[in-house]
Amino acid sequence: VDELLSERSLQGYHLLPSVRGDLLAKLGRLEEARTEFER
């Protein structure tokens, strides 16, 4: 997912930060996950 962060076509696609937030939450990185879910 992190390799896709610079992909221009996904910049406004809500599922990119949503998926990233889910994976971060599963890793226990809750503050980062919160930011991604809000984005």
PDB file of all heavy atoms in Angstrom:
ATOM      1  N   VAL A   1       0.846  -1.201   0.000  1.00  0.00           N
ATOM      2  CA  VAL A   1       0.000   0.000   0.000  1.00  0.00           C
ATOM      3  C   VAL A   1       0.877   1.245   0.000  1.00  0.00           C
ATOM      4  O   VAL A   1       0.608   2.204  -0.727  1.00  0.00           O
ATOM      5  CB  VAL A   1      -0.978  -0.003   1.202  1.00  0.00           C
ATOM      6  CG1 VAL A   1      -1.654   1.342   1.356  1.00  0.00           C
ATOM      7  CG2 VAL A   1      -2.017  -1.103   1.034  1.00  0.00           C
ATOM      8  N   ASP A   2       1.915   1.234   0.798  1.00  0.00           N
ATOM      9  CA  ASP A   2       2.793   2.405   0.877  1.00  0.00           C
ATOM     10  C   ASP A   2       3.455   2.712  -0.469  1.00  0.00           C
ATOM     11  O   ASP A   2       3.739   3.870  -0.772  1.00  0.00           O
ATOM     12  CB  ASP A   2       3.836   2.231   1.970  1.00  0.00           C
ATOM     13  CG  ASP A   2       3.255   2.448   3.362  1.00  0.00           C
ATOM     14  OD1 ASP A   2       2.096   2.914   3.475  1.00  0.00           O
ATOM     15  OD2 ASP A   2       3.953   2.150   4.347  1.00  0.00           O
ATOM     16  N   GLU A   3       3.663   1.692  -1.282  1.00  0.00           N
ATOM     17  CA  GLU A   3       4.225   1.915  -2.618  1.00  0.00           C
ATOM     18  C   GLU A   3       3.238   2.654  -3.520  1.00  0.00           C
ATOM     19  O   GLU A   3       3.634   3.250  -4.510  1.00  0.00           O
ATOM     20  CB  GLU A   3       4.618   0.581  -3.255  1.00  0.00           C
ATOM     21  CG  GLU A   3       5.803  -0.080  -2.583  1.00  0.00           C
ATOM     22  CD  GLU A   3       6.114  -1.456  -3.134  1.00  0.00           C
ATOM     23  OE1 GLU A   3       5.518  -1.855  -4.165  1.00  0.00           O
ATOM     24  OE2 GLU A   3       6.957  -2.145  -2.539  1.00  0.00           O
ATOM     25  N   LEU A   4       1.959   2.622  -3.167  1.00  0.00           N
ATOM     26  CA  LEU A   4       0.916   3.264  -3.978  1.00  0.00           C
ATOM     27  C   LEU A   4       0.630   4.704  -3.550  1.00  0.00           C
ATOM     28  O   LEU A   4      -0.131   5.400  -4.217  1.00  0.00           O
ATOM     29  CB  LEU A   4      -0.371   2.447  -3.899  1.00  0.00           C
ATOM     30  CG  LEU A   4      -0.304   1.036  -4.471  1.00  0.00           C
ATOM     31  CD1 LEU A   4      -1.570   0.266  -4.127  1.00  0.00           C
ATOM     32  CD2 LEU A   4      -0.077   1.090  -5.968  1.00  0.00           C
ATOM     33  N   LEU A   5       1.235   5.149  -2.454  1.00  0.00           N
ATOM     34  CA  LEU A   5       0.923   6.481  -1.936  1.00  0.00           C
ATOM     35  C   LEU A   5       1.238   7.604  -2.914  1.00  0.00           C
ATOM     36  O   LEU A   5       0.564   8.635  -2.906  1.00  0.00           O
ATOM     37  CB  LEU A   5       1.651   6.721  -0.605  1.00  0.00           C
ATOM     38  CG  LEU A   5       1.159   5.883   0.570  1.00  0.00           C
ATOM     39  CD1 LEU A   5       2.033   6.136   1.797  1.00  0.00           C
ATOM     40  CD2 LEU A   5      -0.305   6.149   0.863  1.00  0.00           C
ATOM     41  N   SER A   6       2.214   7.419  -3.747  1.00  0.00           N
ATOM     42  CA  SER A   6       2.579   8.476  -4.692  1.00  0.00           C
ATOM     43  C   SER A   6       1.832   8.347  -6.018  1.00  0.00           C
ATOM     44  O   SER A   6       2.008   9.177  -6.909  1.00  0.00           O
ATOM     45  CB  SER A   6       4.086   8.478  -4.940  1.00  0.00           C
ATOM     46  OG  SER A   6       4.469   7.255  -5.527  1.00  0.00           O
ATOM     47  N   GLU A   7       0.987   7.332  -6.138  1.00  0.00           N
ATOM     48  CA  GLU A   7       0.228   7.117  -7.370  1.00  0.00           C
ATOM     49  C   GLU A   7      -0.806   8.229  -7.533  1.00  0.00           C
ATOM     50  O   GLU A   7      -1.728   8.352  -6.742  1.00  0.00           O
ATOM     51  CB  GLU A   7      -0.457   5.745  -7.334  1.00  0.00           C
ATOM     52  CG  GLU A   7      -1.281   5.428  -8.540  1.00  0.00           C
ATOM     53  CD  GLU A   7      -0.473   5.392  -9.821  1.00  0.00           C
ATOM     54  OE1 GLU A   7       0.596   4.762  -9.858  1.00  0.00           O
ATOM     55  OE2 GLU A   7      -0.931   6.024 -10.797  1.00  0.00           O
ATOM     56  N   ARG A   8      -0.608   9.042  -8.544  1.00  0.00           N
ATOM     57  CA  ARG A   8      -1.465  10.212  -8.754  1.00  0.00           C
ATOM     58  C   ARG A   8      -2.940   9.865  -8.889  1.00  0.00           C
ATOM     59  O   ARG A   8      -3.808  10.554  -8.355  1.00  0.00           O
ATOM     60  CB  ARG A   8      -0.989  10.966  -9.984  1.00  0.00           C
ATOM     61  CG  ARG A   8      -0.940  12.447  -9.756  1.00  0.00           C
ATOM     62  CD  ARG A   8      -0.442  13.172 -10.965  1.00  0.00           C
ATOM     63  NE  ARG A   8      -1.603  13.368 -11.840  1.00  0.00           N
ATOM     64  CZ  ARG A   8      -1.547  13.592 -13.122  1.00  0.00           C
ATOM     65  NH1 ARG A   8      -0.388  13.656 -13.716  1.00  0.00           N
ATOM     66  NH2 ARG A   8      -2.621  13.756 -13.829  1.00  0.00           N
ATOM     67  N   SER A   9      -3.236   8.776  -9.569  1.00  0.00           N
ATOM     68  CA  SER A   9      -4.636   8.412  -9.808  1.00  0.00           C
ATOM     69  C   SER A   9      -5.363   7.979  -8.537  1.00  0.00           C
ATOM     70  O   SER A   9      -6.585   7.919  -8.521  1.00  0.00           O
ATOM     71  CB  SER A   9      -4.726   7.310 -10.866  1.00  0.00           C
ATOM     72  OG  SER A   9      -4.126   6.125 -10.397  1.00  0.00           O
ATOM     73  N   LEU A  10      -4.629   7.694  -7.471  1.00  0.00           N
ATOM     74  CA  LEU A  10      -5.253   7.282  -6.203  1.00  0.00           C
ATOM     75  C   LEU A  10      -5.300   8.398  -5.167  1.00  0.00           C
ATOM     76  O   LEU A  10      -5.799   8.189  -4.060  1.00  0.00           O
ATOM     77  CB  LEU A  10      -4.511   6.076  -5.613  1.00  0.00           C
ATOM     78  CG  LEU A  10      -4.556   4.788  -6.432  1.00  0.00           C
ATOM     79  CD1 LEU A  10      -3.742   3.697  -5.741  1.00  0.00           C
ATOM     80  CD2 LEU A  10      -5.981   4.325  -6.666  1.00  0.00           C
ATOM     81  N   GLN A  11      -4.821   9.581  -5.503  1.00  0.00           N
ATOM     82  CA  GLN A  11      -4.726  10.670  -4.525  1.00  0.00           C
ATOM     83  C   GLN A  11      -6.070  11.028  -3.898  1.00  0.00           C
ATOM     84  O   GLN A  11      -6.138  11.330  -2.730  1.00  0.00           O
ATOM     85  CB  GLN A  11      -4.081  11.906  -5.141  1.00  0.00           C
ATOM     86  CG  GLN A  11      -2.623  11.713  -5.503  1.00  0.00           C
ATOM     87  CD  GLN A  11      -1.764  11.255  -4.335  1.00  0.00           C
ATOM     88  OE1 GLN A  11      -1.734  11.915  -3.315  1.00  0.00           O
ATOM     89  NE2 GLN A  11      -1.087  10.140  -4.485  1.00  0.00           N
ATOM     90  N   GLY A  12      -7.151  10.995  -4.654  1.00  0.00           N
ATOM     91  CA  GLY A  12      -8.464  11.335  -4.111  1.00  0.00           C
ATOM     92  C   GLY A  12      -9.337  10.130  -3.853  1.00  0.00           C
ATOM     93  O   GLY A  12     -10.534  10.263  -3.604  1.00  0.00           O
ATOM     94  N   TYR A  13      -8.752   8.932  -3.902  1.00  0.00           N
ATOM     95  CA  TYR A  13      -9.494   7.683  -3.755  1.00  0.00           C
ATOM     96  C   TYR A  13      -9.543   7.291  -2.286  1.00  0.00           C
ATOM     97  O   TYR A  13      -8.530   6.936  -1.694  1.00  0.00           O
ATOM     98  CB  TYR A  13      -8.812   6.601  -4.596  1.00  0.00           C
ATOM     99  CG  TYR A  13      -9.564   5.302  -4.722  1.00  0.00           C
ATOM    100  CD1 TYR A  13     -10.890   5.273  -5.125  1.00  0.00           C
ATOM    101  CD2 TYR A  13      -8.935   4.097  -4.468  1.00  0.00           C
ATOM    102  CE1 TYR A  13     -11.571   4.074  -5.261  1.00  0.00           C
ATOM    103  CE2 TYR A  13      -9.590   2.894  -4.610  1.00  0.00           C
ATOM    104  CZ  TYR A  13     -10.913   2.885  -5.007  1.00  0.00           C
ATOM    105  OH  TYR A  13     -11.579   1.695  -5.138  1.00  0.00           O
ATOM    106  N   HIS A  14     -10.724   7.351  -1.705  1.00  0.00           N
ATOM    107  CA  HIS A  14     -10.860   7.152  -0.263  1.00  0.00           C
ATOM    108  C   HIS A  14     -10.444   5.766   0.219  1.00  0.00           C
ATOM    109  O   HIS A  14     -10.090   5.594   1.379  1.00  0.00           O
ATOM    110  CB  HIS A  14     -12.292   7.459   0.177  1.00  0.00           C
ATOM    111  CG  HIS A  14     -13.296   6.443  -0.255  1.00  0.00           C
ATOM    112  ND1 HIS A  14     -13.756   6.365  -1.551  1.00  0.00           N
ATOM    113  CD2 HIS A  14     -13.908   5.462   0.428  1.00  0.00           C
ATOM    114  CE1 HIS A  14     -14.618   5.376  -1.642  1.00  0.00           C
ATOM    115  NE2 HIS A  14     -14.737   4.815  -0.455  1.00  0.00           N
ATOM    116  N   LEU A  15     -10.471   4.783  -0.660  1.00  0.00           N
ATOM    117  CA  LEU A  15     -10.119   3.436  -0.201  1.00  0.00           C
ATOM    118  C   LEU A  15      -8.626   3.264   0.057  1.00  0.00           C
ATOM    119  O   LEU A  15      -8.236   2.369   0.820  1.00  0.00           O
ATOM    120  CB  LEU A  15     -10.631   2.386  -1.184  1.00  0.00           C
ATOM    121  CG  LEU A  15     -12.148   2.253  -1.229  1.00  0.00           C
ATOM    122  CD1 LEU A  15     -12.560   1.178  -2.225  1.00  0.00           C
ATOM    123  CD2 LEU A  15     -12.737   1.989   0.141  1.00  0.00           C
ATOM    124  N   LEU A  16      -7.784   4.101  -0.535  1.00  0.00           N
ATOM    125  CA  LEU A  16      -6.347   4.004  -0.244  1.00  0.00           C
ATOM    126  C   LEU A  16      -6.070   4.301   1.232  1.00  0.00           C
ATOM    127  O   LEU A  16      -5.501   3.453   1.934  1.00  0.00           O
ATOM    128  CB  LEU A  16      -5.530   4.901  -1.167  1.00  0.00           C
ATOM    129  CG  LEU A  16      -4.018   4.896  -0.922  1.00  0.00           C
ATOM    130  CD1 LEU A  16      -3.417   3.515  -1.168  1.00  0.00           C
ATOM    131  CD2 LEU A  16      -3.345   5.918  -1.816  1.00  0.00           C
ATOM    132  N   PRO A  17      -6.491   5.448   1.775  1.00  0.00           N
ATOM    133  CA  PRO A  17      -6.251   5.663   3.204  1.00  0.00           C
ATOM    134  C   PRO A  17      -7.092   4.743   4.091  1.00  0.00           C
ATOM    135  O   PRO A  17      -6.677   4.400   5.206  1.00  0.00           O
ATOM    136  CB  PRO A  17      -6.603   7.131   3.424  1.00  0.00           C
ATOM    137  CG  PRO A  17      -7.467   7.509   2.273  1.00  0.00           C
ATOM    138  CD  PRO A  17      -7.038   6.637   1.127  1.00  0.00           C
ATOM    139  N   SER A  18      -8.240   4.304   3.598  1.00  0.00           N
ATOM    140  CA  SER A  18      -9.057   3.384   4.376  1.00  0.00           C
ATOM    141  C   SER A  18      -8.343   2.046   4.571  1.00  0.00           C
ATOM    142  O   SER A  18      -8.266   1.523   5.688  1.00  0.00           O
ATOM    143  CB  SER A  18     -10.404   3.176   3.673  1.00  0.00           C
ATOM    144  OG  SER A  18     -11.192   2.246   4.375  1.00  0.00           O
ATOM    145  N   VAL A  19      -7.819   1.497   3.489  1.00  0.00           N
ATOM    146  CA  VAL A  19      -7.068   0.244   3.566  1.00  0.00           C
ATOM    147  C   VAL A  19      -5.819   0.440   4.418  1.00  0.00           C
ATOM    148  O   VAL A  19      -5.502  -0.389   5.284  1.00  0.00           O
ATOM    149  CB  VAL A  19      -6.694  -0.267   2.150  1.00  0.00           C
ATOM    150  CG1 VAL A  19      -5.663  -1.386   2.215  1.00  0.00           C
ATOM    151  CG2 VAL A  19      -7.943  -0.722   1.408  1.00  0.00           C
ATOM    152  N   ARG A  20      -5.134   1.541   4.206  1.00  0.00           N
ATOM    153  CA  ARG A  20      -3.917   1.813   4.990  1.00  0.00           C
ATOM    154  C   ARG A  20      -4.249   1.911   6.477  1.00  0.00           C
ATOM    155  O   ARG A  20      -3.547   1.365   7.318  1.00  0.00           O
ATOM    156  CB  ARG A  20      -3.246   3.093   4.496  1.00  0.00           C
ATOM    157  CG  ARG A  20      -1.859   3.281   5.056  1.00  0.00           C
ATOM    158  CD  ARG A  20      -1.081   4.347   4.291  1.00  0.00           C
ATOM    159  NE  ARG A  20       0.297   4.299   4.723  1.00  0.00           N
ATOM    160  CZ  ARG A  20       0.764   4.948   5.798  1.00  0.00           C
ATOM    161  NH1 ARG A  20      -0.027   5.712   6.498  1.00  0.00           N
ATOM    162  NH2 ARG A  20       2.033   4.837   6.135  1.00  0.00           N
ATOM    163  N   GLY A  21      -5.354   2.597   6.799  1.00  0.00           N
ATOM    164  CA  GLY A  21      -5.786   2.703   8.194  1.00  0.00           C
ATOM    165  C   GLY A  21      -6.084   1.346   8.802  1.00  0.00           C
ATOM    166  O   GLY A  21      -5.711   1.058   9.938  1.00  0.00           O
ATOM    167  N   ASP A  22      -6.749   0.496   8.046  1.00  0.00           N
ATOM    168  CA  ASP A  22      -7.070  -0.840   8.543  1.00  0.00           C
ATOM    169  C   ASP A  22      -5.804  -1.633   8.840  1.00  0.00           C
ATOM    170  O   ASP A  22      -5.695  -2.271   9.895  1.00  0.00           O
ATOM    171  CB  ASP A  22      -7.932  -1.568   7.516  1.00  0.00           C
ATOM    172  CG  ASP A  22      -8.393  -2.917   8.019  1.00  0.00           C
ATOM    173  OD1 ASP A  22      -9.116  -2.959   9.034  1.00  0.00           O
ATOM    174  OD2 ASP A  22      -8.025  -3.937   7.406  1.00  0.00           O
ATOM    175  N   LEU A  23      -4.852  -1.582   7.941  1.00  0.00           N
ATOM    176  CA  LEU A  23      -3.600  -2.326   8.156  1.00  0.00           C
ATOM    177  C   LEU A  23      -2.812  -1.758   9.327  1.00  0.00           C
ATOM    178  O   LEU A  23      -2.252  -2.510  10.139  1.00  0.00           O
ATOM    179  CB  LEU A  23      -2.762  -2.323   6.873  1.00  0.00           C
ATOM    180  CG  LEU A  23      -3.418  -3.041   5.679  1.00  0.00           C
ATOM    181  CD1 LEU A  23      -2.584  -2.839   4.422  1.00  0.00           C
ATOM    182  CD2 LEU A  23      -3.631  -4.509   5.974  1.00  0.00           C
ATOM    183  N   LEU A  24      -2.773  -0.435   9.437  1.00  0.00           N
ATOM    184  CA  LEU A  24      -2.077   0.186  10.576  1.00  0.00           C
ATOM    185  C   LEU A  24      -2.742  -0.200  11.895  1.00  0.00           C
ATOM    186  O   LEU A  24      -2.054  -0.486  12.885  1.00  0.00           O
ATOM    187  CB  LEU A  24      -2.062   1.710  10.412  1.00  0.00           C
ATOM    188  CG  LEU A  24      -1.127   2.242   9.328  1.00  0.00           C
ATOM    189  CD1 LEU A  24      -1.464   3.688   9.000  1.00  0.00           C
ATOM    190  CD2 LEU A  24       0.326   2.104   9.756  1.00  0.00           C
ATOM    191  N   ALA A  25      -4.067  -0.225  11.921  1.00  0.00           N
ATOM    192  CA  ALA A  25      -4.785  -0.617  13.142  1.00  0.00           C
ATOM    193  C   ALA A  25      -4.447  -2.057  13.517  1.00  0.00           C
ATOM    194  O   ALA A  25      -4.228  -2.363  14.696  1.00  0.00           O
ATOM    195  CB  ALA A  25      -6.286  -0.442  12.951  1.00  0.00           C
ATOM    196  N   LYS A  26      -4.392  -2.935  12.536  1.00  0.00           N
ATOM    197  CA  LYS A  26      -4.053  -4.337  12.802  1.00  0.00           C
ATOM    198  C   LYS A  26      -2.636  -4.477  13.345  1.00  0.00           C
ATOM    199  O   LYS A  26      -2.348  -5.419  14.079  1.00  0.00           O
ATOM    200  CB  LYS A  26      -4.221  -5.171  11.537  1.00  0.00           C
ATOM    201  CG  LYS A  26      -5.679  -5.384  11.184  1.00  0.00           C
ATOM    202  CD  LYS A  26      -5.836  -6.140   9.887  1.00  0.00           C
ATOM    203  CE  LYS A  26      -7.320  -6.316   9.599  1.00  0.00           C
ATOM    204  NZ  LYS A  26      -7.563  -6.923   8.302  1.00  0.00           N
ATOM    205  N   LEU A  27      -1.784  -3.522  13.000  1.00  0.00           N
ATOM    206  CA  LEU A  27      -0.405  -3.534  13.501  1.00  0.00           C
ATOM    207  C   LEU A  27      -0.274  -2.803  14.839  1.00  0.00           C
ATOM    208  O   LEU A  27       0.814  -2.704  15.383  1.00  0.00           O
ATOM    209  CB  LEU A  27       0.532  -2.899  12.469  1.00  0.00           C
ATOM    210  CG  LEU A  27       0.727  -3.717  11.189  1.00  0.00           C
ATOM    211  CD1 LEU A  27       1.426  -2.885  10.126  1.00  0.00           C
ATOM    212  CD2 LEU A  27       1.517  -4.990  11.491  1.00  0.00           C
ATOM    213  N   GLY A  28      -1.384  -2.263  15.349  1.00  0.00           N
ATOM    214  CA  GLY A  28      -1.350  -1.558  16.633  1.00  0.00           C
ATOM    215  C   GLY A  28      -0.861  -0.122  16.513  1.00  0.00           C
ATOM    216  O   GLY A  28      -0.614   0.526  17.525  1.00  0.00           O
ATOM    217  N   ARG A  29      -0.747   0.397  15.329  1.00  0.00           N
ATOM    218  CA  ARG A  29      -0.279   1.770  15.100  1.00  0.00           C
ATOM    219  C   ARG A  29      -1.512   2.678  15.002  1.00  0.00           C
ATOM    220  O   ARG A  29      -1.866   3.185  13.955  1.00  0.00           O
ATOM    221  CB  ARG A  29       0.589   1.809  13.840  1.00  0.00           C
ATOM    222  CG  ARG A  29       1.882   1.023  14.021  1.00  0.00           C
ATOM    223  CD  ARG A  29       2.611   0.725  12.744  1.00  0.00           C
ATOM    224  NE  ARG A  29       2.937   1.905  11.971  1.00  0.00           N
ATOM    225  CZ  ARG A  29       3.579   1.869  10.797  1.00  0.00           C
ATOM    226  NH1 ARG A  29       3.976   0.719  10.285  1.00  0.00           N
ATOM    227  NH2 ARG A  29       3.829   2.974  10.134  1.00  0.00           N
ATOM    228  N   LEU A  30      -2.170   2.826  16.160  1.00  0.00           N
ATOM    229  CA  LEU A  30      -3.503   3.409  16.202  1.00  0.00           C
ATOM    230  C   LEU A  30      -3.557   4.889  15.875  1.00  0.00           C
ATOM    231  O   LEU A  30      -4.518   5.340  15.245  1.00  0.00           O
ATOM    232  CB  LEU A  30      -4.143   3.137  17.561  1.00  0.00           C
ATOM    233  CG  LEU A  30      -4.328   1.648  17.887  1.00  0.00           C
ATOM    234  CD1 LEU A  30      -4.911   1.473  19.276  1.00  0.00           C
ATOM    235  CD2 LEU A  30      -5.194   0.971  16.845  1.00  0.00           C
ATOM    236  N   GLU A  31      -2.579   5.658  16.273  1.00  0.00           N
ATOM    237  CA  GLU A  31      -2.605   7.095  15.943  1.00  0.00           C
ATOM    238  C   GLU A  31      -2.513   7.302  14.437  1.00  0.00           C
ATOM    239  O   GLU A  31      -3.227   8.121  13.868  1.00  0.00           O
ATOM    240  CB  GLU A  31      -1.473   7.847  16.654  1.00  0.00           C
ATOM    241  CG  GLU A  31      -1.849   8.375  18.015  1.00  0.00           C
ATOM    242  CD  GLU A  31      -3.096   9.257  17.987  1.00  0.00           C
ATOM    243  OE1 GLU A  31      -3.127  10.270  17.258  1.00  0.00           O
ATOM    244  OE2 GLU A  31      -4.043   8.921  18.699  1.00  0.00           O
ATOM    245  N   GLU A  32      -1.634   6.549  13.797  1.00  0.00           N
ATOM    246  CA  GLU A  32      -1.507   6.640  12.341  1.00  0.00           C
ATOM    247  C   GLU A  32      -2.783   6.151  11.667  1.00  0.00           C
ATOM    248  O   GLU A  32      -3.242   6.735  10.679  1.00  0.00           O
ATOM    249  CB  GLU A  32      -0.322   5.813  11.855  1.00  0.00           C
ATOM    250  CG  GLU A  32       1.031   6.346  12.275  1.00  0.00           C
ATOM    251  CD  GLU A  32       2.118   5.352  11.964  1.00  0.00           C
ATOM    252  OE1 GLU A  32       2.379   4.469  12.808  1.00  0.00           O
ATOM    253  OE2 GLU A  32       2.701   5.444  10.855  1.00  0.00           O
ATOM    254  N   ALA A  33      -3.359   5.076  12.203  1.00  0.00           N
ATOM    255  CA  ALA A  33      -4.605   4.540  11.654  1.00  0.00           C
ATOM    256  C   ALA A  33      -5.724   5.571  11.767  1.00  0.00           C
ATOM    257  O   ALA A  33      -6.482   5.780  10.811  1.00  0.00           O
ATOM    258  CB  ALA A  33      -4.990   3.255  12.381  1.00  0.00           C
ATOM    259  N   ARG A  34      -5.812   6.237  12.900  1.00  0.00           N
ATOM    260  CA  ARG A  34      -6.843   7.261  13.105  1.00  0.00           C
ATOM    261  C   ARG A  34      -6.732   8.347  12.045  1.00  0.00           C
ATOM    262  O   ARG A  34      -7.721   8.738  11.425  1.00  0.00           O
ATOM    263  CB  ARG A  34      -6.725   7.880  14.499  1.00  0.00           C
ATOM    264  CG  ARG A  34      -7.776   8.972  14.762  1.00  0.00           C
ATOM    265  CD  ARG A  34      -7.497   9.712  16.060  1.00  0.00           C
ATOM    266  NE  ARG A  34      -6.185  10.337  16.090  1.00  0.00           N
ATOM    267  CZ  ARG A  34      -5.873  11.475  15.472  1.00  0.00           C
ATOM    268  NH1 ARG A  34      -6.767  12.135  14.783  1.00  0.00           N
ATOM    269  NH2 ARG A  34      -4.652  11.975  15.555  1.00  0.00           N
ATOM    270  N   THR A  35      -5.524   8.812  11.805  1.00  0.00           N
ATOM    271  CA  THR A  35      -5.297   9.849  10.795  1.00  0.00           C
ATOM    272  C   THR A  35      -5.747   9.368   9.417  1.00  0.00           C
ATOM    273  O   THR A  35      -6.383  10.117   8.664  1.00  0.00           O
ATOM    274  CB  THR A  35      -3.811  10.243  10.772  1.00  0.00           C
ATOM    275  OG1 THR A  35      -3.458  10.755  12.057  1.00  0.00           O
ATOM    276  CG2 THR A  35      -3.523  11.278   9.709  1.00  0.00           C
ATOM    277  N   GLU A  36      -5.437   8.132   9.081  1.00  0.00           N
ATOM    278  CA  GLU A  36      -5.814   7.598   7.765  1.00  0.00           C
ATOM    279  C   GLU A  36      -7.327   7.452   7.646  1.00  0.00           C
ATOM    280  O   GLU A  36      -7.902   7.768   6.601  1.00  0.00           O
ATOM    281  CB  GLU A  36      -5.124   6.261   7.508  1.00  0.00           C
ATOM    282  CG  GLU A  36      -3.629   6.377   7.329  1.00  0.00           C
ATOM    283  CD  GLU A  36      -3.226   7.217   6.124  1.00  0.00           C
ATOM    284  OE1 GLU A  36      -3.872   7.128   5.057  1.00  0.00           O
ATOM    285  OE2 GLU A  36      -2.248   7.970   6.240  1.00  0.00           O
ATOM    286  N   PHE A  37      -7.998   6.968   8.694  1.00  0.00           N
ATOM    287  CA  PHE A  37      -9.456   6.847   8.641  1.00  0.00           C
ATOM    288  C   PHE A  37     -10.114   8.221   8.500  1.00  0.00           C
ATOM    289  O   PHE A  37     -11.091   8.380   7.767  1.00  0.00           O
ATOM    290  CB  PHE A  37     -10.003   6.129   9.874  1.00  0.00           C
ATOM    291  CG  PHE A  37      -9.709   4.656   9.898  1.00  0.00           C
ATOM    292  CD1 PHE A  37      -9.215   4.055  11.043  1.00  0.00           C
ATOM    293  CD2 PHE A  37      -9.923   3.855   8.775  1.00  0.00           C
ATOM    294  CE1 PHE A  37      -8.956   2.689  11.082  1.00  0.00           C
ATOM    295  CE2 PHE A  37      -9.655   2.490   8.802  1.00  0.00           C
ATOM    296  CZ  PHE A  37      -9.171   1.906   9.961  1.00  0.00           C
ATOM    297  N   GLU A  38      -9.574   9.218   9.185  1.00  0.00           N
ATOM    298  CA  GLU A  38     -10.116  10.571   9.058  1.00  0.00           C
ATOM    299  C   GLU A  38      -9.904  11.115   7.650  1.00  0.00           C
ATOM    300  O   GLU A  38     -10.785  11.766   7.088  1.00  0.00           O
ATOM    301  CB  GLU A  38      -9.491  11.502  10.101  1.00  0.00           C
ATOM    302  CG  GLU A  38      -9.970  11.208  11.503  1.00  0.00           C
ATOM    303  CD  GLU A  38      -9.239  11.985  12.574  1.00  0.00           C
ATOM    304  OE1 GLU A  38      -8.196  12.608  12.283  1.00  0.00           O
ATOM    305  OE2 GLU A  38      -9.699  11.951  13.734  1.00  0.00           O
ATOM    306  N   ARG A  39      -8.751  10.826   7.071  1.00  0.00           N
ATOM    307  CA  ARG A  39      -8.479  11.269   5.704  1.00  0.00           C
ATOM    308  C   ARG A  39      -9.420  10.578   4.731  1.00  0.00           C
ATOM    309  O   ARG A  39      -9.991  11.216   3.837  1.00  0.00           O
ATOM    310  CB  ARG A  39      -7.023  11.002   5.330  1.00  0.00           C
ATOM    311  CG  ARG A  39      -6.633  11.592   3.983  1.00  0.00           C
ATOM    312  CD  ARG A  39      -5.120  11.677   3.831  1.00  0.00           C
ATOM    313  NE  ARG A  39      -4.500  10.397   3.632  1.00  0.00           N
ATOM    314  CZ  ARG A  39      -4.214   9.897   2.431  1.00  0.00           C
ATOM    315  NH1 ARG A  39      -4.485  10.588   1.341  1.00  0.00           N
ATOM    316  NH2 ARG A  39      -3.633   8.738   2.321  1.00  0.00           N
TER     317      ARG A  39
END
